[in-house]
Amino acid sequence: MSTKLLRWLFCLTVLAFALYHFAENTVDPDLWGHVLFGQRMIAHRAVEHVEPLSWTARGQPWINHEVLAEIALATAYRLGGGSGLLVLKMLVGLLTFVIALRLGAHGLAWPARATAWAIGLVAVVEIAFGFAARPQIFTALALAILLWILHELDTGRRRWLAAIPLLFAVWINTHGGALAGFLVLVVAAGAATVECLAFRRPARTAILLWSSSVLALAAMAVNPWGFALIGWLGRSVLWMRPEIQEWNATAFDWDHLPTFLLLAIAVWSFVFSRQPRRPWAIAVLGLLAAMALRHVRHAPLFAIGVLVLTPRHAADSLSRIAATTPELARLAADRVVQRIAAFGLTVASALVVIATFTLHKEHPLTMEVPAAEYPVAAVDFIRQHHIHGNAIIFFDWGEMALWKLPDCPPSVDGRLDTCYPRAVLTANWDLYNGKAPDPAALDVGRADFALLPRTLAGVGLLRKSAGWSLAYEDALAAVLVRDASRFPGLRGLTLPVMGGKSCAVGRFPFP
């Protein structure tokens, strides 16, 4: 059995595993909106600064700052529909993973190089967690590129720093994660300064990093809102959002076990490695770890950092263990063991590739809308019976409604504080929880109908409100109307119409 063949099979398995994770095709709640907003910018040839789509925030300032990301998503949809969106997110994901893996494996020869690939096998699970088709995918790619630049600087190729202003000018107009990238750059500069002062190292690297930080800050002002966008991003990140899962702390559970495993790998590797420990790498990894533990949405960024910065130290730590267990080396060199490993890797690769196109999917070559999560049947009922007007919408379904129900302005959607006053957001969540909302922020008397999860306490609240009645209900969603006689499409029906459990079954092609 050729050792080289075994290496190739191992790498193939890792890449197949990456393909499986990046090919996840369940839509993000905001995908409809991102494509729609990109289409509007292309059609208007301008960025909209005033909210035009809701009934609770219309006329409010709209910081629609994910300009390039939404244009890219709209273009992908125009070229290939839901399949185009899937291809875009897969390409960005695989490119991000390959960049990070290549940086992590830099300077390592086999078998030490296998450590980087093994860490990649764990890291890709968490990286892909952030790879729904949405603007955040471009922040993951931009972070990998930034770490690439810092790596080149660390190896003496200082000319790469000239790319930093361009990176941040593009990044800030693509996704607000540019703020996290700027913190990474500043922390690296601070660590280089401490290294310079504590160990009397040349100050050139620290000076270059601080200069690059200043240029990056200036580059981030090149956006439709100037420096005001940077200030808004800072305030928005600090705003607590306990009702949104990805803005909560990362829980120690099965879903995010890879994050804590990567944290353990990073700590163990840096503690037991005999390789030089670069202060900037430790500081950046510490920052990314703190961000990941603070907010679930930042866990993929930490996974990228671990894959880039940890393998060299992990490989050295493992070599110390291998030196004390020569029998393991002899076992690995055994031809029978190698043949068994080759067979196992071949089967694993084949099964993963098959699962990529079959597991939990009905339309694997496009983005899918699962009826168990999104009110597909309820929206069809609204459209078929010509229910329209101001809509009270569940938060996760707001941008689906923007697309599917264009003549029904929503009470809220996933744009959050980019356009909705916080009083409006609070009022919507109060209603969801069965509490009468502040009428100044959400006047139920101005709403014409509601589309909410059937189990939500707000459904009961509205049914008790004067003039409101249940028009439709299925296993997932409920449609309530205010004064059913105002809707000609409901005449002759026995209300409520019951959709049944089958309405929450199946997966449908986007949109």
Protein backbone atom coordinates (compact mmCIF):
# COMPACT_ATOMS: atom_id res chain seq x y z
CA MET A 1 0.00 0.00 0.00
CA SER A 2 1.44 3.35 -1.05
CA THR A 3 1.70 5.89 1.77
CA LYS A 4 1.11 8.61 -0.80
CA LEU A 5 -2.19 7.01 -1.82
CA LEU A 6 -3.25 6.86 1.82
CA ARG A 7 -2.52 10.58 2.15
CA TRP A 8 -4.59 11.37 -0.92
CA LEU A 9 -7.52 9.32 0.39
CA PHE A 10 -7.35 11.10 3.76
CA CYS A 11 -7.36 14.51 2.05
CA LEU A 12 -10.19 13.41 -0.21
CA THR A 13 -12.26 12.44 2.83
CA VAL A 14 -11.70 15.83 4.45
CA LEU A 15 -12.65 17.66 1.23
CA ALA A 16 -15.75 15.48 0.82
CA PHE A 17 -16.71 16.34 4.39
CA ALA A 18 -16.24 20.05 3.61
CA LEU A 19 -18.36 19.70 0.48
CA TYR A 20 -21.12 18.05 2.50
CA HIS A 21 -21.26 20.87 5.02
CA PHE A 22 -21.04 23.75 2.56
CA ALA A 23 -23.73 22.12 0.38
CA GLU A 24 -26.34 22.50 3.14
CA ASN A 25 -29.20 24.12 1.23
CA THR A 26 -31.79 25.18 3.83
CA VAL A 27 -32.66 28.84 3.36
CA ASP A 28 -31.81 31.48 5.93
CA PRO A 29 -34.82 33.53 7.15
CA ASP A 30 -33.34 36.65 5.57
CA LEU A 31 -32.47 35.20 2.15
CA TRP A 32 -35.62 36.50 0.48
CA GLY A 33 -34.84 39.99 1.73
CA HIS A 34 -31.17 39.98 0.75
CA VAL A 35 -32.02 38.99 -2.83
CA LEU A 36 -34.89 41.49 -2.97
CA PHE A 37 -32.79 44.36 -1.62
CA GLY A 38 -30.03 43.54 -4.08
CA GLN A 39 -32.56 43.53 -6.92
CA ARG A 40 -33.85 46.94 -5.79
CA MET A 41 -30.34 48.40 -5.70
CA ILE A 42 -29.61 47.06 -9.19
CA ALA A 43 -32.93 48.38 -10.51
CA HIS A 44 -32.61 51.81 -8.85
CA ARG A 45 -28.84 52.02 -9.38
CA ALA A 46 -28.66 53.48 -5.90
CA VAL A 47 -28.59 52.53 -2.23
CA GLU A 48 -31.88 53.26 -0.46
CA HIS A 49 -31.50 55.37 2.67
CA VAL A 50 -35.18 55.48 3.71
CA GLU A 51 -37.29 52.44 4.63
CA PRO A 52 -40.03 51.90 1.99
CA LEU A 53 -41.41 48.41 2.68
CA SER A 54 -42.97 48.12 6.16
CA TRP A 55 -45.93 49.88 7.81
CA THR A 56 -44.31 50.36 11.21
CA ALA A 57 -41.00 51.92 10.11
CA ARG A 58 -41.80 53.47 6.72
CA GLY A 59 -39.88 56.71 6.29
CA GLN A 60 -37.31 55.79 8.95
CA PRO A 61 -33.58 55.92 8.06
CA TRP A 62 -32.46 52.60 6.59
CA ILE A 63 -28.81 51.61 6.94
CA ASN A 64 -28.89 49.04 4.15
CA HIS A 65 -25.15 48.56 4.41
CA GLU A 66 -24.62 45.03 3.02
CA VAL A 67 -24.49 46.53 -0.44
CA LEU A 68 -22.01 44.35 -2.31
CA ALA A 69 -23.20 41.13 -0.64
CA GLU A 70 -26.82 41.74 -1.59
CA ILE A 71 -25.88 42.69 -5.14
CA ALA A 72 -23.85 39.46 -5.36
CA LEU A 73 -26.79 37.41 -4.04
CA ALA A 74 -29.24 39.12 -6.39
CA THR A 75 -26.90 38.54 -9.34
CA ALA A 76 -26.44 34.86 -8.43
CA TYR A 77 -30.22 34.49 -8.24
CA ARG A 78 -30.69 36.25 -11.57
CA LEU A 79 -28.16 33.97 -13.25
CA GLY A 80 -29.17 30.67 -11.69
CA GLY A 81 -32.14 31.07 -9.37
CA GLY A 82 -31.86 29.10 -6.14
CA SER A 83 -29.13 26.97 -7.73
CA GLY A 84 -27.07 30.10 -8.37
CA LEU A 85 -27.34 31.04 -4.69
CA LEU A 86 -26.26 27.55 -3.64
CA VAL A 87 -23.26 27.63 -5.97
CA LEU A 88 -22.23 31.08 -4.70
CA LYS A 89 -22.28 30.08 -1.05
CA MET A 90 -20.49 26.80 -1.76
CA LEU A 91 -17.73 28.51 -3.73
CA VAL A 92 -17.20 31.15 -1.03
CA GLY A 93 -17.22 28.46 1.66
CA LEU A 94 -14.79 26.14 -0.06
CA LEU A 95 -12.48 29.06 -0.95
CA THR A 96 -12.48 30.20 2.68
CA PHE A 97 -11.73 26.67 3.89
CA VAL A 98 -8.94 26.08 1.36
CA ILE A 99 -7.24 29.40 2.22
CA ALA A 100 -7.39 28.65 5.94
CA LEU A 101 -6.23 25.05 5.48
CA ARG A 102 -3.35 26.07 3.24
CA LEU A 103 -2.19 28.65 5.78
CA GLY A 104 -2.48 26.13 8.61
CA ALA A 105 -0.49 23.52 6.70
CA HIS A 106 2.21 25.98 5.58
CA GLY A 107 5.70 24.74 6.38
CA LEU A 108 4.53 21.30 7.51
CA ALA A 109 5.65 18.11 5.81
CA TRP A 110 3.89 14.77 6.04
CA PRO A 111 3.01 13.23 8.45
CA ALA A 112 2.90 16.47 10.48
CA ARG A 113 0.85 18.03 7.65
CA ALA A 114 -1.94 15.57 8.45
CA THR A 115 -2.52 17.52 11.68
CA ALA A 116 -3.74 20.53 9.72
CA TRP A 117 -6.11 18.36 7.71
CA ALA A 118 -7.41 16.67 10.88
CA ILE A 119 -8.08 20.05 12.50
CA GLY A 120 -9.78 21.08 9.28
CA LEU A 121 -12.10 18.09 9.64
CA VAL A 122 -13.33 19.54 12.94
CA ALA A 123 -13.15 23.21 12.01
CA VAL A 124 -15.21 22.89 8.84
CA VAL A 125 -18.24 21.79 10.88
CA GLU A 126 -18.27 25.11 12.74
CA ILE A 127 -17.18 27.21 9.76
CA ALA A 128 -20.05 25.84 7.68
CA PHE A 129 -22.47 26.63 10.53
CA GLY A 130 -22.16 30.27 9.46
CA PHE A 131 -22.55 29.49 5.77
CA ALA A 132 -26.20 29.97 5.05
CA ALA A 133 -26.64 32.03 1.89
CA ARG A 134 -26.27 35.44 3.53
CA PRO A 135 -23.76 38.31 3.75
CA GLN A 136 -21.89 36.77 6.71
CA ILE A 137 -20.20 34.32 4.35
CA PHE A 138 -18.16 37.17 2.90
CA THR A 139 -16.89 38.12 6.37
CA ALA A 140 -15.58 34.56 6.79
CA LEU A 141 -13.71 34.86 3.48
CA ALA A 142 -12.41 38.33 4.33
CA LEU A 143 -11.11 37.12 7.71
CA ALA A 144 -9.25 34.27 6.01
CA ILE A 145 -7.70 36.79 3.62
CA LEU A 146 -6.74 39.11 6.52
CA LEU A 147 -5.06 36.24 8.37
CA TRP A 148 -3.28 35.40 5.11
CA ILE A 149 -1.92 38.96 4.96
CA LEU A 150 -0.81 38.84 8.61
CA HIS A 151 0.86 35.48 7.94
CA GLU A 152 2.76 36.96 5.00
CA LEU A 153 3.86 39.88 7.17
CA ASP A 154 5.07 37.43 9.80
CA THR A 155 7.25 35.73 7.19
CA GLY A 156 8.78 39.04 6.14
CA ARG A 157 6.66 39.85 3.06
CA ARG A 158 5.63 43.34 4.16
CA ARG A 159 4.38 44.45 0.76
CA TRP A 160 1.20 42.47 1.42
CA LEU A 161 0.12 45.14 3.92
CA ALA A 162 -0.68 47.39 0.97
CA ALA A 163 -3.73 45.19 0.33
CA ILE A 164 -5.30 45.94 3.73
CA PRO A 165 -7.02 49.27 2.84
CA LEU A 166 -8.55 47.71 -0.28
CA LEU A 167 -9.71 44.67 1.72
CA PHE A 168 -11.46 46.83 4.31
CA ALA A 169 -12.99 49.17 1.73
CA VAL A 170 -14.64 46.14 0.09
CA TRP A 171 -15.40 44.43 3.40
CA ILE A 172 -17.30 47.35 5.00
CA ASN A 173 -19.55 47.59 1.95
CA THR A 174 -20.20 43.86 2.02
CA HIS A 175 -20.91 43.04 5.67
CA GLY A 176 -20.64 44.66 9.09
CA GLY A 177 -18.19 41.96 10.15
CA ALA A 178 -15.52 44.36 8.90
CA LEU A 179 -15.66 45.76 12.43
CA ALA A 180 -14.50 42.39 13.78
CA GLY A 181 -11.74 42.34 11.17
CA PHE A 182 -10.61 45.78 12.30
CA LEU A 183 -10.44 44.55 15.91
CA VAL A 184 -8.29 41.62 14.75
CA LEU A 185 -5.92 44.04 13.05
CA VAL A 186 -5.74 46.35 16.08
CA VAL A 187 -5.16 43.43 18.47
CA ALA A 188 -2.36 42.16 16.22
CA ALA A 189 -0.80 45.63 16.24
CA GLY A 190 -1.12 45.82 20.03
CA ALA A 191 0.50 42.40 20.47
CA ALA A 192 3.35 43.40 18.16
CA THR A 193 3.85 46.54 20.26
CA VAL A 194 3.98 44.55 23.49
CA GLU A 195 6.47 42.16 21.91
CA CYS A 196 8.58 45.10 20.82
CA LEU A 197 8.62 46.71 24.27
CA ALA A 198 8.91 43.52 26.36
CA PHE A 199 11.53 41.70 24.30
CA ARG A 200 13.25 44.66 22.68
CA ARG A 201 12.36 43.51 19.18
CA PRO A 202 12.55 45.86 16.16
CA ALA A 203 9.59 48.23 16.10
CA ARG A 204 9.09 48.07 12.34
CA THR A 205 6.36 45.39 12.39
CA ALA A 206 4.37 47.19 15.08
CA ILE A 207 4.65 50.49 13.21
CA LEU A 208 3.49 48.88 9.98
CA LEU A 209 0.53 47.23 11.68
CA TRP A 210 -0.57 50.45 13.39
CA SER A 211 -0.21 52.31 10.11
CA SER A 212 -2.28 49.64 8.39
CA SER A 213 -4.91 49.95 11.12
CA VAL A 214 -5.20 53.69 10.51
CA LEU A 215 -5.47 53.14 6.76
CA ALA A 216 -8.05 50.39 7.32
CA LEU A 217 -10.15 52.74 9.45
CA ALA A 218 -9.97 55.40 6.76
CA ALA A 219 -10.87 52.81 4.11
CA MET A 220 -13.94 51.75 6.10
CA ALA A 221 -15.26 55.30 5.81
CA VAL A 222 -15.56 54.75 2.06
CA ASN A 223 -19.22 53.73 2.20
CA PRO A 224 -22.55 55.49 1.64
CA TRP A 225 -22.76 56.51 5.32
CA GLY A 226 -19.12 57.40 5.98
CA PHE A 227 -17.82 57.15 9.56
CA ALA A 228 -21.42 57.16 10.83
CA LEU A 229 -21.73 53.53 9.70
CA ILE A 230 -18.78 52.49 11.88
CA GLY A 231 -20.36 54.14 14.91
CA TRP A 232 -23.72 52.52 14.18
CA LEU A 233 -22.10 49.08 13.83
CA GLY A 234 -20.41 49.48 17.21
CA ARG A 235 -23.69 50.40 18.90
CA SER A 236 -25.56 47.61 17.13
CA VAL A 237 -23.08 44.90 18.19
CA LEU A 238 -23.35 46.02 21.83
CA TRP A 239 -27.15 45.82 21.77
CA MET A 240 -28.36 42.69 23.54
CA ARG A 241 -30.70 40.46 21.47
CA PRO A 242 -31.68 37.55 23.75
CA GLU A 243 -34.62 36.63 21.51
CA ILE A 244 -32.27 35.89 18.57
CA GLN A 245 -30.37 32.65 19.14
CA GLU A 246 -27.22 33.49 17.17
CA TRP A 247 -26.65 36.62 19.25
CA ASN A 248 -26.62 34.63 22.49
CA ALA A 249 -23.62 33.07 24.18
CA THR A 250 -22.40 29.78 22.72
CA ALA A 251 -23.85 26.99 24.83
CA PHE A 252 -21.87 23.89 25.67
CA ASP A 253 -24.11 21.48 23.78
CA TRP A 254 -23.98 19.01 20.90
CA ASP A 255 -24.62 21.69 18.26
CA HIS A 256 -21.50 23.63 19.20
CA LEU A 257 -19.30 20.88 20.57
CA PRO A 258 -16.80 21.56 17.71
CA THR A 259 -16.24 25.08 19.06
CA PHE A 260 -15.21 23.80 22.48
CA LEU A 261 -13.18 20.98 20.94
CA LEU A 262 -11.30 23.55 18.84
CA LEU A 263 -10.79 25.68 21.94
CA ALA A 264 -9.29 22.68 23.75
CA ILE A 265 -7.07 21.89 20.75
CA ALA A 266 -5.82 25.48 20.58
CA VAL A 267 -5.02 25.70 24.31
CA TRP A 268 -3.34 22.28 24.38
CA SER A 269 -1.31 23.03 21.25
CA PHE A 270 0.05 26.37 22.41
CA VAL A 271 0.80 25.10 25.93
CA PHE A 272 2.78 22.02 24.88
CA SER A 273 4.33 23.23 21.64
CA ARG A 274 8.06 23.84 21.42
CA GLN A 275 7.61 26.05 18.37
CA PRO A 276 8.00 29.83 18.75
CA ARG A 277 4.70 31.31 19.93
CA ARG A 278 3.94 34.52 18.08
CA PRO A 279 2.25 37.05 20.41
CA TRP A 280 0.04 38.39 17.62
CA ALA A 281 -1.27 34.90 16.86
CA ILE A 282 -2.08 34.22 20.53
CA ALA A 283 -3.79 37.60 20.89
CA VAL A 284 -5.85 37.23 17.72
CA LEU A 285 -6.91 33.70 18.63
CA GLY A 286 -7.84 34.88 22.11
CA LEU A 287 -9.97 37.68 20.65
CA LEU A 288 -11.75 35.30 18.27
CA ALA A 289 -12.35 32.81 21.11
CA ALA A 290 -13.89 35.53 23.29
CA MET A 291 -16.11 36.62 20.40
CA ALA A 292 -17.20 33.03 19.75
CA LEU A 293 -18.08 32.41 23.40
CA ARG A 294 -19.96 35.70 23.58
CA HIS A 295 -22.00 35.30 20.39
CA VAL A 296 -22.89 32.10 18.53
CA ARG A 297 -22.63 33.90 15.18
CA HIS A 298 -18.88 34.44 15.72
CA ALA A 299 -18.03 30.76 16.32
CA PRO A 300 -17.23 30.20 12.61
CA LEU A 301 -14.66 33.01 12.74
CA PHE A 302 -12.93 31.35 15.69
CA ALA A 303 -12.86 28.05 13.78
CA ILE A 304 -11.11 29.80 10.89
CA GLY A 305 -8.59 31.27 13.30
CA VAL A 306 -7.85 27.87 14.86
CA LEU A 307 -7.38 26.25 11.46
CA VAL A 308 -4.94 28.98 10.39
CA LEU A 309 -2.94 29.49 13.58
CA THR A 310 -2.94 26.18 15.47
CA PRO A 311 -1.72 23.26 13.26
CA ARG A 312 2.02 23.97 13.53
CA HIS A 313 1.82 23.90 17.33
CA ALA A 314 -0.56 20.92 17.39
CA ALA A 315 1.79 18.95 15.12
CA ASP A 316 4.76 19.69 17.38
CA SER A 317 2.80 18.71 20.49
CA LEU A 318 1.72 15.46 18.85
CA SER A 319 5.30 14.68 17.80
CA ARG A 320 6.33 14.74 21.45
CA ILE A 321 3.66 12.15 22.24
CA ALA A 322 4.62 10.03 19.21
CA ALA A 323 8.23 9.98 20.37
CA THR A 324 7.16 8.20 23.54
CA THR A 325 4.97 5.64 21.76
CA PRO A 326 7.04 4.02 18.97
CA GLU A 327 4.59 1.12 18.81
CA LEU A 328 1.98 3.46 17.32
CA ALA A 329 4.36 4.37 14.50
CA ARG A 330 4.98 0.68 13.81
CA LEU A 331 1.25 0.01 13.80
CA ALA A 332 0.64 2.86 11.36
CA ALA A 333 3.30 1.46 9.03
CA ASP A 334 1.74 -2.00 9.03
CA ARG A 335 0.45 -2.86 5.54
CA VAL A 336 -2.71 -4.54 6.83
CA VAL A 337 -3.58 -1.49 8.92
CA GLN A 338 -2.90 0.78 5.97
CA ARG A 339 -5.17 -1.29 3.73
CA ILE A 340 -7.96 -1.21 6.29
CA ALA A 341 -7.50 2.57 6.64
CA ALA A 342 -7.55 3.03 2.86
CA PHE A 343 -10.74 1.00 2.55
CA GLY A 344 -12.37 2.91 5.39
CA LEU A 345 -11.44 6.29 3.91
CA THR A 346 -12.70 5.28 0.47
CA VAL A 347 -16.04 4.13 1.87
CA ALA A 348 -16.33 7.21 4.08
CA SER A 349 -15.67 9.55 1.14
CA ALA A 350 -18.25 7.79 -1.01
CA LEU A 351 -20.88 7.84 1.73
CA VAL A 352 -20.30 11.53 2.46
CA VAL A 353 -20.61 12.45 -1.22
CA ILE A 354 -23.85 10.46 -1.48
CA ALA A 355 -25.18 12.13 1.68
CA THR A 356 -24.31 15.53 0.21
CA PHE A 357 -26.98 15.06 -2.45
CA THR A 358 -29.53 12.97 -0.56
CA LEU A 359 -29.57 13.43 3.21
CA HIS A 360 -32.48 15.63 4.39
CA LYS A 361 -32.91 17.03 0.88
CA GLU A 362 -35.59 16.82 -1.79
CA HIS A 363 -34.05 19.30 -4.25
CA PRO A 364 -30.29 19.05 -3.58
CA LEU A 365 -29.21 21.30 -6.47
CA THR A 366 -31.00 24.41 -5.26
CA MET A 367 -31.82 26.25 -2.03
CA GLU A 368 -34.76 24.68 -0.21
CA VAL A 369 -37.58 26.08 1.92
CA PRO A 370 -38.64 23.52 4.57
CA ALA A 371 -42.39 23.67 5.21
CA ALA A 372 -41.76 22.68 8.84
CA GLU A 373 -39.99 26.03 9.40
CA TYR A 374 -41.64 28.44 6.97
CA PRO A 375 -45.38 29.02 6.38
CA VAL A 376 -45.51 27.87 2.77
CA ALA A 377 -49.14 26.70 2.88
CA ALA A 378 -50.32 29.71 4.92
CA VAL A 379 -48.74 32.14 2.45
CA ASP A 380 -50.45 30.27 -0.39
CA PHE A 381 -53.78 30.66 1.45
CA ILE A 382 -53.21 34.41 1.83
CA ARG A 383 -52.37 34.79 -1.85
CA GLN A 384 -55.19 32.58 -3.13
CA HIS A 385 -57.83 34.39 -1.09
CA HIS A 386 -56.50 37.89 -1.79
CA ILE A 387 -55.84 38.85 1.81
CA HIS A 388 -53.80 42.03 1.81
CA GLY A 389 -52.96 45.11 3.85
CA ASN A 390 -50.80 45.81 6.88
CA ALA A 391 -49.55 42.51 8.29
CA ILE A 392 -48.40 41.50 11.75
CA ILE A 393 -45.65 39.05 10.87
CA PHE A 394 -43.52 36.68 12.91
CA PHE A 395 -39.93 37.94 12.88
CA ASP A 396 -38.38 34.93 11.11
CA TRP A 397 -41.00 35.11 8.37
CA GLY A 398 -40.81 38.84 7.70
CA GLU A 399 -38.50 38.78 4.71
CA MET A 400 -40.29 35.81 3.17
CA ALA A 401 -43.42 37.97 3.38
CA LEU A 402 -41.63 40.90 1.72
CA TRP A 403 -40.99 38.66 -1.29
CA LYS A 404 -44.14 36.52 -1.41
CA LEU A 405 -46.65 39.16 -0.25
CA PRO A 406 -45.45 42.43 -1.82
CA ASP A 407 -48.76 44.22 -1.18
CA CYS A 408 -48.70 43.32 2.52
CA PRO A 409 -46.26 45.59 4.42
CA PRO A 410 -44.93 43.69 7.46
CA SER A 411 -44.79 44.85 11.05
CA VAL A 412 -41.18 43.68 11.32
CA ASP A 413 -38.57 41.62 9.48
CA GLY A 414 -34.96 40.52 9.78
CA ARG A 415 -33.50 43.94 9.07
CA LEU A 416 -33.77 44.67 12.81
CA ASP A 417 -32.26 48.00 13.87
CA THR A 418 -30.99 48.82 10.38
CA CYS A 419 -34.41 50.46 9.93
CA TYR A 420 -36.79 49.49 12.75
CA PRO A 421 -36.85 51.64 15.91
CA ARG A 422 -36.17 49.51 18.94
CA ALA A 423 -39.60 50.39 20.34
CA VAL A 424 -41.16 48.71 17.29
CA LEU A 425 -39.02 45.61 17.73
CA THR A 426 -39.94 45.41 21.43
CA ALA A 427 -43.63 45.85 20.63
CA ASN A 428 -43.59 42.97 18.14
CA TRP A 429 -41.90 40.65 20.61
CA ASP A 430 -44.39 41.70 23.31
CA LEU A 431 -47.24 40.68 21.02
CA TYR A 432 -45.57 37.34 20.22
CA ASN A 433 -45.37 36.67 23.96
CA GLY A 434 -49.05 37.45 24.52
CA LYS A 435 -48.52 40.93 25.99
CA ALA A 436 -50.46 43.89 24.63
CA PRO A 437 -47.95 45.95 22.60
CA ASP A 438 -47.36 49.67 22.98
CA PRO A 439 -49.90 51.15 20.51
CA ALA A 440 -47.52 53.98 19.71
CA ALA A 441 -45.06 51.44 18.29
CA LEU A 442 -47.43 48.70 17.04
CA ASP A 443 -51.06 49.75 16.69
CA VAL A 444 -52.98 46.50 16.27
CA GLY A 445 -55.94 48.54 15.06
CA ARG A 446 -53.97 49.54 11.96
CA ALA A 447 -53.16 45.94 11.04
CA ASP A 448 -55.35 44.03 8.59
CA PHE A 449 -54.16 40.49 9.22
CA ALA A 450 -51.52 38.48 11.07
CA LEU A 451 -49.30 35.55 10.10
CA LEU A 452 -47.89 33.87 13.19
CA PRO A 453 -46.82 30.43 14.46
CA ARG A 454 -49.99 28.73 15.65
CA THR A 455 -48.56 27.98 19.13
CA LEU A 456 -47.50 31.59 19.78
CA ALA A 457 -49.21 33.31 22.71
CA GLY A 458 -49.87 36.28 20.43
CA VAL A 459 -52.40 34.21 18.46
CA GLY A 460 -54.55 33.92 21.58
CA LEU A 461 -54.09 37.63 22.32
CA LEU A 462 -55.35 38.65 18.87
CA ARG A 463 -58.29 36.22 18.96
CA LYS A 464 -59.45 37.95 22.14
CA SER A 465 -59.10 41.39 20.52
CA ALA A 466 -62.18 43.08 19.12
CA GLY A 467 -62.83 42.29 15.47
CA TRP A 468 -60.08 39.67 15.09
CA SER A 469 -60.80 36.09 14.08
CA LEU A 470 -58.89 33.01 12.97
CA ALA A 471 -59.10 32.52 9.19
CA TYR A 472 -56.64 29.67 8.64
CA GLU A 473 -54.58 27.25 10.68
CA ASP A 474 -52.25 24.37 9.92
CA ALA A 475 -49.62 22.42 11.83
CA LEU A 476 -47.22 25.39 11.73
CA ALA A 477 -48.96 28.70 11.12
CA ALA A 478 -52.10 30.67 11.82
CA VAL A 479 -53.63 33.46 9.75
CA LEU A 480 -55.87 35.90 11.62
CA VAL A 481 -57.84 38.73 10.05
CA ARG A 482 -59.40 41.88 11.41
CA ASP A 483 -63.03 42.01 10.28
CA ALA A 484 -63.20 39.05 7.87
CA SER A 485 -66.09 40.67 5.95
CA ARG A 486 -63.61 43.15 4.43
CA PHE A 487 -61.95 40.37 2.42
CA PRO A 488 -64.11 39.20 -0.52
CA GLY A 489 -61.88 36.16 -0.99
CA LEU A 490 -63.01 34.76 2.37
CA ARG A 491 -66.72 34.93 1.60
CA GLY A 492 -68.40 31.57 1.38
CA LEU A 493 -65.70 29.86 3.44
CA THR A 494 -66.30 28.26 6.80
CA LEU A 495 -63.67 29.85 9.01
CA PRO A 496 -61.22 28.84 10.17
CA VAL A 497 -59.97 26.77 7.25
CA MET A 498 -57.87 23.92 8.62
CA GLY A 499 -54.76 23.07 6.65
CA GLY A 500 -53.77 19.90 8.46
CA LYS A 501 -50.41 18.40 9.43
CA SER A 502 -49.35 17.71 5.85
CA CYS A 503 -48.96 21.46 5.25
CA ALA A 504 -45.81 21.43 7.39
CA VAL A 505 -44.21 18.55 5.48
CA GLY A 506 -41.78 18.73 2.57
CA ARG A 507 -39.06 20.99 1.19
CA PHE A 508 -39.68 23.37 -1.68
CA PRO A 509 -37.27 25.08 -4.10
CA PHE A 510 -36.46 28.72 -3.26
CA PRO A 511 -38.22 31.14 -3.38
